Amino acid sequence: MPPMPLPPLPNPHTEPDGSAVIRVLSYNIRSMRDDEDALARVIRACAPDLVCVQEAPRFFRWRKHAARLAAKSELVVLSGGATAAGPLLLCSMRATVERTQDVLLPLTPGLHRRGLATAVVRFGAARLGVLSCHLSLRADERYEQAGMVLRRLAALDVPYAVAAGDVNERPGGRSFRRLGAELQDCWAVAPWGGEHTSTPADPHQRIDAIFATKGVEVLGCGVPAGLDGVADDDLRAATDHLPVLAALRVPAV
């Protein structure tokens, strides 16, 4: 049975006071091993200003693959990819980019290398840090990486920021709670759309999330199943996670 149509989510725009309403999408794309065209259709339909990707292609011709996804999604590559061990940032032409930095996290022997893709961007008079992450499957390493995410956000030295990614843990877990203790869990603050992100065929757990610093107003956040233009067949075909979409109001600075 197809999902019910969703209530409207605010469209991106700049307010008269210089603050900006933006859309942020978080999406684990499983190295684009599934239906790439379905993936791009989902992203386009969400009309994001920023996309925090996890599991971007990391090996042969990875830059070409990232550029192709950006072009199909009507976006541009901002930062990340193999240089961040998988996290990737895409953005719309609405964003003015101040700086970017890819960060490799400490490697635990026998486990996958993890990293962070980060940037500072402006929308009108609003200035925002953004970070994409994919935390470890192992609980102790995941908890340490959650702390590294918080420290890296602080190091961006901006008044407002968002962090988004595959936490590999449900909201009750230690790492998820560590992030939520300092940041707003956007779905918990303003639920909109679906809650569970894994798996598309049987959504039963929320392991992907968008977090925002205090002062960012969360207007709505959730899985965009039922959003105009987002087909259920595309969500199932695109990858093995469901995306998370948030509308945020970022104050002018």
C-alpha atoms as a PDB file:
ATOM      1  CA  MET A   1       0.000   0.000   0.000  1.00  0.00           C
ATOM      2  CA  PRO A   2       1.524   3.377  -1.000  1.00  0.00           C
ATOM      3  CA  PRO A   3       2.290   5.852   1.811  1.00  0.00           C
ATOM      4  CA  MET A   4      -0.183   8.593   2.607  1.00  0.00           C
ATOM      5  CA  PRO A   5       0.649  12.034   1.162  1.00  0.00           C
ATOM      6  CA  LEU A   6       2.674  14.130   3.572  1.00  0.00           C
ATOM      7  CA  PRO A   7       1.760  17.599   4.820  1.00  0.00           C
ATOM      8  CA  PRO A   8       3.783  20.344   3.135  1.00  0.00           C
ATOM      9  CA  LEU A   9       7.361  20.888   4.260  1.00  0.00           C
ATOM     10  CA  PRO A  10       8.583  24.506   4.025  1.00  0.00           C
ATOM     11  CA  ASN A  11      10.346  25.275   0.765  1.00  0.00           C
ATOM     12  CA  PRO A  12      13.855  26.772   0.878  1.00  0.00           C
ATOM     13  CA  HIS A  13      13.851  30.553   0.980  1.00  0.00           C
ATOM     14  CA  THR A  14      15.504  33.552   2.587  1.00  0.00           C
ATOM     15  CA  GLU A  15      13.549  35.591   5.127  1.00  0.00           C
ATOM     16  CA  PRO A  16      13.476  39.448   5.106  1.00  0.00           C
ATOM     17  CA  ASP A  17      15.724  39.472   8.199  1.00  0.00           C
ATOM     18  CA  GLY A  18      18.399  37.463   6.370  1.00  0.00           C
ATOM     19  CA  SER A  19      17.673  34.155   8.083  1.00  0.00           C
ATOM     20  CA  ALA A  20      17.383  31.156   5.777  1.00  0.00           C
ATOM     21  CA  VAL A  21      14.998  28.234   5.561  1.00  0.00           C
ATOM     22  CA  ILE A  22      16.926  25.304   4.135  1.00  0.00           C
ATOM     23  CA  ARG A  23      16.370  21.623   3.451  1.00  0.00           C
ATOM     24  CA  VAL A  24      18.965  19.095   4.588  1.00  0.00           C
ATOM     25  CA  LEU A  25      18.923  15.478   3.403  1.00  0.00           C
ATOM     26  CA  SER A  26      20.859  12.586   4.936  1.00  0.00           C
ATOM     27  CA  TYR A  27      21.218   9.438   2.831  1.00  0.00           C
ATOM     28  CA  ASN A  28      23.280   6.242   2.981  1.00  0.00           C
ATOM     29  CA  ILE A  29      23.663   5.336  -0.710  1.00  0.00           C
ATOM     30  CA  ARG A  30      25.559   2.009  -0.437  1.00  0.00           C
ATOM     31  CA  SER A  31      28.313   3.096  -2.845  1.00  0.00           C
ATOM     32  CA  MET A  32      25.740   3.628  -5.617  1.00  0.00           C
ATOM     33  CA  ARG A  33      25.535  -0.148  -6.130  1.00  0.00           C
ATOM     34  CA  ASP A  34      21.752  -0.101  -6.587  1.00  0.00           C
ATOM     35  CA  ASP A  35      19.487   1.873  -8.947  1.00  0.00           C
ATOM     36  CA  GLU A  36      21.360   5.111  -9.525  1.00  0.00           C
ATOM     37  CA  ASP A  37      18.540   6.784 -11.447  1.00  0.00           C
ATOM     38  CA  ALA A  38      16.050   5.982  -8.670  1.00  0.00           C
ATOM     39  CA  LEU A  39      18.512   7.430  -6.153  1.00  0.00           C
ATOM     40  CA  ALA A  40      18.804  10.658  -8.111  1.00  0.00           C
ATOM     41  CA  ARG A  41      15.028  10.951  -8.503  1.00  0.00           C
ATOM     42  CA  VAL A  42      14.560  10.669  -4.731  1.00  0.00           C
ATOM     43  CA  ILE A  43      17.177  13.327  -4.066  1.00  0.00           C
ATOM     44  CA  ARG A  44      15.739  15.725  -6.667  1.00  0.00           C
ATOM     45  CA  ALA A  45      12.210  15.323  -5.326  1.00  0.00           C
ATOM     46  CA  CYS A  46      13.409  16.285  -1.833  1.00  0.00           C
ATOM     47  CA  ALA A  47      14.775  19.599  -3.238  1.00  0.00           C
ATOM     48  CA  PRO A  48      17.644  19.772  -0.715  1.00  0.00           C
ATOM     49  CA  ASP A  49      20.091  22.614  -0.223  1.00  0.00           C
ATOM     50  CA  LEU A  50      22.547  20.227   1.456  1.00  0.00           C
ATOM     51  CA  VAL A  51      22.907  16.463   1.175  1.00  0.00           C
ATOM     52  CA  CYS A  52      24.915  14.526   3.748  1.00  0.00           C
ATOM     53  CA  VAL A  53      25.795  11.278   1.997  1.00  0.00           C
ATOM     54  CA  GLN A  54      27.185   8.142   3.626  1.00  0.00           C
ATOM     55  CA  GLU A  55      28.864   5.258   1.808  1.00  0.00           C
ATOM     56  CA  ALA A  56      29.755   7.321  -1.248  1.00  0.00           C
ATOM     57  CA  PRO A  57      31.982   5.510  -3.776  1.00  0.00           C
ATOM     58  CA  ARG A  58      35.559   5.334  -2.444  1.00  0.00           C
ATOM     59  CA  PHE A  59      37.562   3.408  -5.003  1.00  0.00           C
ATOM     60  CA  PHE A  60      38.113   3.382  -8.778  1.00  0.00           C
ATOM     61  CA  ARG A  61      37.024   6.699 -10.368  1.00  0.00           C
ATOM     62  CA  TRP A  62      35.165   7.708  -7.209  1.00  0.00           C
ATOM     63  CA  ARG A  63      35.255  11.407  -8.117  1.00  0.00           C
ATOM     64  CA  LYS A  64      33.571  10.658 -11.441  1.00  0.00           C
ATOM     65  CA  HIS A  65      30.811   8.694  -9.711  1.00  0.00           C
ATOM     66  CA  ALA A  66      30.224  11.478  -7.168  1.00  0.00           C
ATOM     67  CA  ALA A  67      30.104  14.114  -9.900  1.00  0.00           C
ATOM     68  CA  ARG A  68      27.628  12.033 -11.898  1.00  0.00           C
ATOM     69  CA  LEU A  69      25.307  11.634  -8.913  1.00  0.00           C
ATOM     70  CA  ALA A  70      25.503  15.375  -8.226  1.00  0.00           C
ATOM     71  CA  ALA A  71      24.694  16.219 -11.839  1.00  0.00           C
ATOM     72  CA  LYS A  72      21.749  13.788 -11.946  1.00  0.00           C
ATOM     73  CA  SER A  73      20.485  15.265  -8.678  1.00  0.00           C
ATOM     74  CA  GLU A  74      20.890  18.866  -9.965  1.00  0.00           C
ATOM     75  CA  LEU A  75      23.469  19.600  -7.263  1.00  0.00           C
ATOM     76  CA  VAL A  76      27.242  20.026  -7.016  1.00  0.00           C
ATOM     77  CA  VAL A  77      29.905  18.214  -5.014  1.00  0.00           C
ATOM     78  CA  LEU A  78      30.876  20.187  -1.930  1.00  0.00           C
ATOM     79  CA  SER A  79      33.318  17.956  -0.052  1.00  0.00           C
ATOM     80  CA  GLY A  80      34.172  14.406   0.961  1.00  0.00           C
ATOM     81  CA  GLY A  81      34.095  11.032  -0.763  1.00  0.00           C
ATOM     82  CA  ALA A  82      37.138   8.770  -0.602  1.00  0.00           C
ATOM     83  CA  THR A  83      39.124  11.519   1.125  1.00  0.00           C
ATOM     84  CA  ALA A  84      36.669  11.282   4.047  1.00  0.00           C
ATOM     85  CA  ALA A  85      36.413   7.457   3.847  1.00  0.00           C
ATOM     86  CA  GLY A  86      32.855   7.575   2.524  1.00  0.00           C
ATOM     87  CA  PRO A  87      30.932  10.611   3.822  1.00  0.00           C
ATOM     88  CA  LEU A  88      30.203  13.097   1.040  1.00  0.00           C
ATOM     89  CA  LEU A  89      28.557  16.524   0.936  1.00  0.00           C
ATOM     90  CA  LEU A  90      26.482  17.825  -1.973  1.00  0.00           C
ATOM     91  CA  CYS A  91      24.894  21.269  -2.172  1.00  0.00           C
ATOM     92  CA  SER A  92      22.653  23.387  -4.325  1.00  0.00           C
ATOM     93  CA  MET A  93      23.862  26.485  -6.142  1.00  0.00           C
ATOM     94  CA  ARG A  94      22.066  28.481  -3.452  1.00  0.00           C
ATOM     95  CA  ALA A  95      24.960  27.803  -1.066  1.00  0.00           C
ATOM     96  CA  THR A  96      27.998  30.045  -0.852  1.00  0.00           C
ATOM     97  CA  VAL A  97      30.954  27.944   0.283  1.00  0.00           C
ATOM     98  CA  GLU A  98      33.419  29.393   2.787  1.00  0.00           C
ATOM     99  CA  ARG A  99      35.592  26.351   3.407  1.00  0.00           C
ATOM    100  CA  THR A 100      35.655  22.557   3.445  1.00  0.00           C
ATOM    101  CA  GLN A 101      37.675  19.926   5.274  1.00  0.00           C
ATOM    102  CA  ASP A 102      37.742  16.134   5.121  1.00  0.00           C
ATOM    103  CA  VAL A 103      38.800  14.385   8.320  1.00  0.00           C
ATOM    104  CA  LEU A 104      39.996  10.788   8.724  1.00  0.00           C
ATOM    105  CA  LEU A 105      39.253   9.296  12.130  1.00  0.00           C
ATOM    106  CA  PRO A 106      41.665   6.991  13.982  1.00  0.00           C
ATOM    107  CA  LEU A 107      41.811   3.522  12.460  1.00  0.00           C
ATOM    108  CA  THR A 108      41.049   0.516  14.621  1.00  0.00           C
ATOM    109  CA  PRO A 109      42.914  -2.512  13.207  1.00  0.00           C
ATOM    110  CA  GLY A 110      40.518  -4.929  11.565  1.00  0.00           C
ATOM    111  CA  LEU A 111      37.718  -2.371  11.182  1.00  0.00           C
ATOM    112  CA  HIS A 112      36.794  -0.015   8.356  1.00  0.00           C
ATOM    113  CA  ARG A 113      38.390   3.407   8.246  1.00  0.00           C
ATOM    114  CA  ARG A 114      35.860   6.112   9.113  1.00  0.00           C
ATOM    115  CA  GLY A 115      35.896   9.822   8.410  1.00  0.00           C
ATOM    116  CA  LEU A 116      33.948  13.074   8.376  1.00  0.00           C
ATOM    117  CA  ALA A 117      33.095  15.433   5.524  1.00  0.00           C
ATOM    118  CA  THR A 118      32.710  19.006   6.804  1.00  0.00           C
ATOM    119  CA  ALA A 119      32.068  22.464   5.411  1.00  0.00           C
ATOM    120  CA  VAL A 120      31.011  25.981   6.337  1.00  0.00           C
ATOM    121  CA  VAL A 121      28.443  27.524   3.990  1.00  0.00           C
ATOM    122  CA  ARG A 122      26.227  30.588   3.824  1.00  0.00           C
ATOM    123  CA  PHE A 123      22.627  31.038   2.690  1.00  0.00           C
ATOM    124  CA  GLY A 124      21.819  34.730   2.569  1.00  0.00           C
ATOM    125  CA  ALA A 125      22.938  36.165   5.906  1.00  0.00           C
ATOM    126  CA  ALA A 126      22.806  32.737   7.591  1.00  0.00           C
ATOM    127  CA  ARG A 127      26.093  30.932   8.196  1.00  0.00           C
ATOM    128  CA  LEU A 128      26.119  27.209   8.879  1.00  0.00           C
ATOM    129  CA  GLY A 129      28.554  24.399   9.576  1.00  0.00           C
ATOM    130  CA  VAL A 130      27.668  20.990   8.140  1.00  0.00           C
ATOM    131  CA  LEU A 131      29.071  17.531   8.821  1.00  0.00           C
ATOM    132  CA  SER A 132      28.341  14.110   7.337  1.00  0.00           C
ATOM    133  CA  CYS A 133      29.306  10.993   9.291  1.00  0.00           C
ATOM    134  CA  HIS A 134      28.961   7.210   9.315  1.00  0.00           C
ATOM    135  CA  LEU A 135      29.724   5.770  12.729  1.00  0.00           C
ATOM    136  CA  SER A 136      31.281   2.394  13.486  1.00  0.00           C
ATOM    137  CA  LEU A 137      29.457  -0.913  13.791  1.00  0.00           C
ATOM    138  CA  ARG A 138      31.384  -1.581  17.012  1.00  0.00           C
ATOM    139  CA  ALA A 139      29.848  -0.004  20.111  1.00  0.00           C
ATOM    140  CA  ASP A 140      32.997   1.260  21.864  1.00  0.00           C
ATOM    141  CA  GLU A 141      34.464   2.792  18.712  1.00  0.00           C
ATOM    142  CA  ARG A 142      31.082   4.270  17.783  1.00  0.00           C
ATOM    143  CA  TYR A 143      30.845   6.013  21.157  1.00  0.00           C
ATOM    144  CA  GLU A 144      34.302   7.571  20.736  1.00  0.00           C
ATOM    145  CA  GLN A 145      33.434   8.676  17.216  1.00  0.00           C
ATOM    146  CA  ALA A 146      30.270  10.382  18.480  1.00  0.00           C
ATOM    147  CA  GLY A 147      32.515  12.474  20.720  1.00  0.00           C
ATOM    148  CA  MET A 148      34.757  13.264  17.747  1.00  0.00           C
ATOM    149  CA  VAL A 149      31.719  14.476  15.804  1.00  0.00           C
ATOM    150  CA  LEU A 150      30.850  16.884  18.629  1.00  0.00           C
ATOM    151  CA  ARG A 151      34.428  18.147  18.880  1.00  0.00           C
ATOM    152  CA  ARG A 152      34.703  18.622  15.126  1.00  0.00           C
ATOM    153  CA  LEU A 153      31.437  20.598  15.046  1.00  0.00           C
ATOM    154  CA  ALA A 154      32.794  22.852  17.805  1.00  0.00           C
ATOM    155  CA  ALA A 155      36.050  23.269  15.856  1.00  0.00           C
ATOM    156  CA  LEU A 156      34.137  24.662  12.873  1.00  0.00           C
ATOM    157  CA  ASP A 157      33.749  27.769  15.049  1.00  0.00           C
ATOM    158  CA  VAL A 158      30.345  28.829  13.719  1.00  0.00           C
ATOM    159  CA  PRO A 159      27.250  29.752  15.731  1.00  0.00           C
ATOM    160  CA  TYR A 160      25.016  27.185  14.000  1.00  0.00           C
ATOM    161  CA  ALA A 161      25.673  23.729  12.587  1.00  0.00           C
ATOM    162  CA  VAL A 162      24.084  20.468  11.498  1.00  0.00           C
ATOM    163  CA  ALA A 163      25.471  16.946  11.665  1.00  0.00           C
ATOM    164  CA  ALA A 164      23.796  14.112   9.805  1.00  0.00           C
ATOM    165  CA  GLY A 165      24.508  10.518   9.095  1.00  0.00           C
ATOM    166  CA  ASP A 166      24.202   6.825   9.676  1.00  0.00           C
ATOM    167  CA  VAL A 167      24.628   6.422  13.438  1.00  0.00           C
ATOM    168  CA  ASN A 168      24.459   2.605  13.217  1.00  0.00           C
ATOM    169  CA  GLU A 169      22.499   2.692  16.458  1.00  0.00           C
ATOM    170  CA  ARG A 170      18.953   3.312  17.629  1.00  0.00           C
ATOM    171  CA  PRO A 171      18.036   6.430  19.662  1.00  0.00           C
ATOM    172  CA  GLY A 172      18.327   4.594  22.974  1.00  0.00           C
ATOM    173  CA  GLY A 173      21.966   3.674  22.374  1.00  0.00           C
ATOM    174  CA  ARG A 174      24.893   5.363  24.143  1.00  0.00           C
ATOM    175  CA  SER A 175      26.339   7.004  21.036  1.00  0.00           C
ATOM    176  CA  PHE A 176      22.988   8.330  19.804  1.00  0.00           C
ATOM    177  CA  ARG A 177      22.268   9.677  23.274  1.00  0.00           C
ATOM    178  CA  ARG A 178      25.716  11.293  23.415  1.00  0.00           C
ATOM    179  CA  LEU A 179      24.931  13.253  20.266  1.00  0.00           C
ATOM    180  CA  GLY A 180      21.402  14.064  21.436  1.00  0.00           C
ATOM    181  CA  ALA A 181      22.631  15.382  24.780  1.00  0.00           C
ATOM    182  CA  GLU A 182      24.384  18.314  23.060  1.00  0.00           C
ATOM    183  CA  LEU A 183      22.437  18.613  19.812  1.00  0.00           C
ATOM    184  CA  GLN A 184      18.802  18.665  18.778  1.00  0.00           C
ATOM    185  CA  ASP A 185      17.631  15.326  17.367  1.00  0.00           C
ATOM    186  CA  CYS A 186      15.579  16.873  14.582  1.00  0.00           C
ATOM    187  CA  TRP A 187      13.043  14.048  14.211  1.00  0.00           C
ATOM    188  CA  ALA A 188      12.363  14.046  17.973  1.00  0.00           C
ATOM    189  CA  VAL A 189      11.932  17.848  17.970  1.00  0.00           C
ATOM    190  CA  ALA A 190       9.593  18.149  14.965  1.00  0.00           C
ATOM    191  CA  PRO A 191       8.530  14.763  13.584  1.00  0.00           C
ATOM    192  CA  TRP A 192       7.297  14.833   9.996  1.00  0.00           C
ATOM    193  CA  GLY A 193       7.054  11.893   7.655  1.00  0.00           C
ATOM    194  CA  GLY A 194       8.303   8.476   8.636  1.00  0.00           C
ATOM    195  CA  GLU A 195      10.502   7.579  11.584  1.00  0.00           C
ATOM    196  CA  HIS A 196      12.293   4.363  10.657  1.00  0.00           C
ATOM    197  CA  THR A 197      15.153   4.402   8.137  1.00  0.00           C
ATOM    198  CA  SER A 198      16.165   0.746   7.946  1.00  0.00           C
ATOM    199  CA  THR A 199      15.331  -1.114   5.835  1.00  0.00           C
ATOM    200  CA  PRO A 200      13.301   0.184   2.863  1.00  0.00           C
ATOM    201  CA  ALA A 201      11.564  -3.175   2.483  1.00  0.00           C
ATOM    202  CA  ASP A 202      10.789  -3.419   6.206  1.00  0.00           C
ATOM    203  CA  PRO A 203      11.304  -0.109   8.047  1.00  0.00           C
ATOM    204  CA  HIS A 204      11.633  -1.049  11.716  1.00  0.00           C
ATOM    205  CA  GLN A 205      14.463   1.009  13.225  1.00  0.00           C
ATOM    206  CA  ARG A 206      15.780   4.566  13.192  1.00  0.00           C
ATOM    207  CA  ILE A 207      19.558   4.465  12.776  1.00  0.00           C
ATOM    208  CA  ASP A 208      19.961   7.530  10.509  1.00  0.00           C
ATOM    209  CA  ALA A 209      19.443  11.037  11.845  1.00  0.00           C
ATOM    210  CA  ILE A 210      19.901  14.761  11.408  1.00  0.00           C
ATOM    211  CA  PHE A 211      21.105  16.765  14.409  1.00  0.00           C
ATOM    212  CA  ALA A 212      21.251  20.547  14.790  1.00  0.00           C
ATOM    213  CA  THR A 213      22.858  22.883  17.268  1.00  0.00           C
ATOM    214  CA  LYS A 214      20.721  24.980  19.559  1.00  0.00           C
ATOM    215  CA  GLY A 215      19.362  28.097  17.899  1.00  0.00           C
ATOM    216  CA  VAL A 216      18.533  26.317  14.652  1.00  0.00           C
ATOM    217  CA  GLU A 217      14.742  26.036  14.396  1.00  0.00           C
ATOM    218  CA  VAL A 218      13.577  22.598  13.286  1.00  0.00           C
ATOM    219  CA  LEU A 219      10.474  22.966  11.113  1.00  0.00           C
ATOM    220  CA  GLY A 220      10.045  19.291  10.285  1.00  0.00           C
ATOM    221  CA  CYS A 221      12.141  16.145   9.912  1.00  0.00           C
ATOM    222  CA  GLY A 222      11.614  12.558   8.845  1.00  0.00           C
ATOM    223  CA  VAL A 223      11.623   9.983   6.080  1.00  0.00           C
ATOM    224  CA  PRO A 224      10.025  11.630   3.017  1.00  0.00           C
ATOM    225  CA  ALA A 225       7.919   8.625   1.938  1.00  0.00           C
ATOM    226  CA  GLY A 226       4.758  10.178   0.540  1.00  0.00           C
ATOM    227  CA  LEU A 227       6.423  13.486  -0.379  1.00  0.00           C
ATOM    228  CA  ASP A 228       5.304  14.661  -3.806  1.00  0.00           C
ATOM    229  CA  GLY A 229       7.629  13.102  -6.374  1.00  0.00           C
ATOM    230  CA  VAL A 230       9.142  10.510  -4.028  1.00  0.00           C
ATOM    231  CA  ALA A 231       7.977   7.134  -5.328  1.00  0.00           C
ATOM    232  CA  ASP A 232       7.874   4.142  -2.999  1.00  0.00           C
ATOM    233  CA  ASP A 233       9.417   1.989  -5.741  1.00  0.00           C
ATOM    234  CA  ASP A 234      12.331   4.431  -6.000  1.00  0.00           C
ATOM    235  CA  LEU A 235      12.913   4.364  -2.243  1.00  0.00           C
ATOM    236  CA  ARG A 236      13.122   0.577  -2.359  1.00  0.00           C
ATOM    237  CA  ALA A 237      15.351   0.501  -5.447  1.00  0.00           C
ATOM    238  CA  ALA A 238      17.763   3.330  -4.601  1.00  0.00           C
ATOM    239  CA  THR A 239      19.719   1.848  -1.675  1.00  0.00           C
ATOM    240  CA  ASP A 240      19.359  -0.161   1.541  1.00  0.00           C
ATOM    241  CA  HIS A 241      18.492   2.849   3.753  1.00  0.00           C
ATOM    242  CA  LEU A 242      15.665   5.359   3.680  1.00  0.00           C
ATOM    243  CA  PRO A 243      16.648   9.038   3.567  1.00  0.00           C
ATOM    244  CA  VAL A 244      15.987  11.619   6.262  1.00  0.00           C
ATOM    245  CA  LEU A 245      14.851  15.103   5.216  1.00  0.00           C
ATOM    246  CA  ALA A 246      14.724  18.162   7.475  1.00  0.00           C
ATOM    247  CA  ALA A 247      13.559  21.730   6.983  1.00  0.00           C
ATOM    248  CA  LEU A 248      15.498  24.117   9.202  1.00  0.00           C
ATOM    249  CA  ARG A 249      15.461  27.858   9.840  1.00  0.00           C
ATOM    250  CA  VAL A 250      18.992  29.177  10.381  1.00  0.00           C
ATOM    251  CA  PRO A 251      19.251  32.655  11.960  1.00  0.00           C
ATOM    252  CA  ALA A 252      21.168  35.456  10.289  1.00  0.00           C
ATOM    253  CA  VAL A 253      24.547  36.292  11.792  1.00  0.00           C
END
